[in-house]
Amino acid sequence: MKIDNSNAHIISSKKAYIHDDVLETLMFERNKKEISLNMIDYSSCKKYTIVYKNVIGFFMTSCDFWGESSRILDFELVDSNDSIITSKLFKYKNDNGFVDSSLESYNNYIETVITFVSGDKLEVACKCIILEK
């Protein structure tokens, strides 16, 4: 399933439900601007992937605030008015006049947060997400 700005509300539905699933590995490919998450479905133990495409920025904590766990608590879409990564990048681009930047229109991007049972977070701003569950 492809998730982009036109159907990003899917992230809050059962179609993109990843609660209790386990993050096995995370890989960022700089040249492709892609983040791949190898996941395990908690209920069926089946493996699947989540691929963030055209990534413009991401941030992850790994401090085990609430205790160690690689299980997912929540997967959320960040409202465009509340975006942290996207708004910072566009402000930086505009403040510095970076005309060669690959950033396109602000509305072309979505920003999501995966919160882990540990209290850690993975925040990603990208053009689309491919969820292959």
Protein backbone atom coordinates (compact mmCIF):
# COMPACT_ATOMS: atom_id res chain seq x y z
CA MET A 1 0.00 0.00 0.00
CA LYS A 2 1.31 3.42 -0.95
CA ILE A 3 0.68 6.24 1.53
CA ASP A 4 1.24 9.84 0.48
CA ASN A 5 -0.29 13.25 1.08
CA SER A 6 -3.48 12.28 -0.77
CA ASN A 7 -4.34 9.37 1.55
CA ALA A 8 -2.17 9.95 4.64
CA HIS A 9 -5.23 9.55 6.91
CA ILE A 10 -4.77 5.78 6.39
CA ILE A 11 -2.02 5.91 9.01
CA SER A 12 -4.72 6.33 11.67
CA SER A 13 -6.74 3.35 10.40
CA LYS A 14 -6.62 -0.44 10.71
CA LYS A 15 -5.05 -0.56 7.22
CA ALA A 16 -1.78 0.70 8.68
CA TYR A 17 -2.12 -0.82 12.14
CA ILE A 18 1.32 -1.77 13.47
CA HIS A 19 0.68 -1.66 17.24
CA ASP A 20 2.82 -4.27 19.06
CA ASP A 21 4.72 -5.16 15.86
CA VAL A 22 8.48 -5.40 16.26
CA LEU A 23 11.16 -3.36 14.52
CA GLU A 24 13.88 -5.80 13.50
CA THR A 25 16.19 -3.51 11.48
CA LEU A 26 16.32 0.03 10.15
CA MET A 27 18.43 0.96 7.14
CA PHE A 28 18.93 4.38 5.53
CA GLU A 29 20.18 4.47 1.95
CA ARG A 30 21.49 8.00 1.36
CA ASN A 31 21.70 7.82 -2.45
CA LYS A 32 18.13 6.53 -2.73
CA LYS A 33 16.86 8.75 0.09
CA GLU A 34 15.04 5.73 1.53
CA ILE A 35 14.56 4.28 4.98
CA SER A 36 13.60 0.61 5.14
CA LEU A 37 12.17 -0.90 8.29
CA ASN A 38 12.14 -4.70 8.52
CA MET A 39 9.23 -5.54 10.78
CA ILE A 40 7.63 -8.59 12.39
CA ASP A 41 3.84 -8.72 12.79
CA TYR A 42 3.28 -9.46 16.48
CA SER A 43 0.17 -11.59 16.03
CA SER A 44 1.22 -13.69 13.01
CA CYS A 45 5.05 -13.53 13.31
CA LYS A 46 5.16 -12.73 9.58
CA LYS A 47 7.86 -10.39 8.34
CA TYR A 48 7.08 -7.29 6.31
CA THR A 49 8.65 -3.96 5.34
CA ILE A 50 7.87 -0.30 5.64
CA VAL A 51 9.78 1.85 3.14
CA TYR A 52 9.91 5.63 3.43
CA LYS A 53 10.66 7.11 -0.01
CA ASN A 54 12.17 10.49 -0.85
CA VAL A 55 13.16 11.06 2.78
CA ILE A 56 14.05 14.68 3.50
CA GLY A 57 14.85 14.17 7.17
CA PHE A 58 14.51 11.84 10.14
CA PHE A 59 15.28 11.63 13.84
CA MET A 60 15.36 8.66 16.18
CA THR A 61 15.95 8.25 19.88
CA SER A 62 17.22 5.02 21.42
CA CYS A 63 17.28 5.74 25.14
CA ASP A 64 14.78 3.14 26.45
CA PHE A 65 13.00 5.80 28.49
CA TRP A 66 10.28 3.40 29.68
CA GLY A 67 12.41 0.23 29.53
CA GLU A 68 13.91 -1.72 26.65
CA SER A 69 11.56 -2.75 23.84
CA SER A 70 11.54 -2.79 20.04
CA ARG A 71 7.74 -3.17 19.90
CA ILE A 72 5.62 -0.40 18.41
CA LEU A 73 3.16 1.48 20.60
CA ASP A 74 1.79 3.92 18.04
CA PHE A 75 2.11 5.06 14.42
CA GLU A 76 0.89 8.60 13.85
CA LEU A 77 0.64 11.17 11.11
CA VAL A 78 1.93 14.58 12.17
CA ASP A 79 -0.44 17.37 11.21
CA SER A 80 1.24 19.67 8.68
CA ASN A 81 0.73 22.59 11.09
CA ASP A 82 2.65 20.69 13.78
CA SER A 83 5.48 19.34 11.65
CA ILE A 84 8.91 19.66 13.17
CA ILE A 85 11.29 18.24 10.59
CA THR A 86 9.59 19.58 7.46
CA SER A 87 9.07 23.08 8.81
CA LYS A 88 12.69 23.31 10.04
CA LEU A 89 14.07 22.18 6.69
CA PHE A 90 11.97 24.63 4.67
CA LYS A 91 12.86 27.48 7.04
CA TYR A 92 16.55 26.61 6.73
CA LYS A 93 16.28 26.46 2.92
CA ASN A 94 14.42 29.78 2.68
CA ASP A 95 16.55 31.63 5.26
CA ASN A 96 19.70 30.68 3.38
CA GLY A 97 18.43 30.98 -0.19
CA PHE A 98 19.38 27.44 -1.19
CA VAL A 99 18.04 27.48 -4.75
CA ASP A 100 19.64 24.12 -5.66
CA SER A 101 17.90 22.25 -2.84
CA SER A 102 15.91 19.16 -3.80
CA LEU A 103 13.04 20.31 -1.53
CA GLU A 104 9.83 20.80 -3.48
CA SER A 105 6.52 22.19 -2.31
CA TYR A 106 5.92 21.93 1.45
CA ASN A 107 2.62 20.13 0.78
CA ASN A 108 4.36 17.31 -1.12
CA TYR A 109 5.64 15.77 2.12
CA ILE A 110 4.17 13.84 5.01
CA GLU A 111 5.67 13.48 8.46
CA THR A 112 5.09 10.51 10.74
CA VAL A 113 6.09 9.38 14.22
CA ILE A 114 6.47 5.81 15.38
CA THR A 115 6.49 5.60 19.16
CA PHE A 116 7.96 2.48 20.69
CA VAL A 117 6.88 0.77 23.92
CA SER A 118 10.29 1.93 25.21
CA GLY A 119 9.17 5.57 24.86
CA ASP A 120 11.61 6.14 22.01
CA LYS A 121 10.48 7.69 18.72
CA LEU A 122 11.28 7.49 15.04
CA GLU A 123 10.22 10.65 13.21
CA VAL A 124 10.41 10.72 9.41
CA ALA A 125 9.52 13.36 6.80
CA CYS A 126 9.17 11.96 3.29
CA LYS A 127 7.10 12.01 0.10
CA CYS A 128 5.51 8.60 0.55
CA ILE A 129 5.52 5.37 2.50
CA ILE A 130 5.20 1.87 1.08
CA LEU A 131 3.70 -0.49 3.64
CA GLU A 132 4.05 -4.09 2.45
CA LYS A 133 2.27 -6.05 5.16
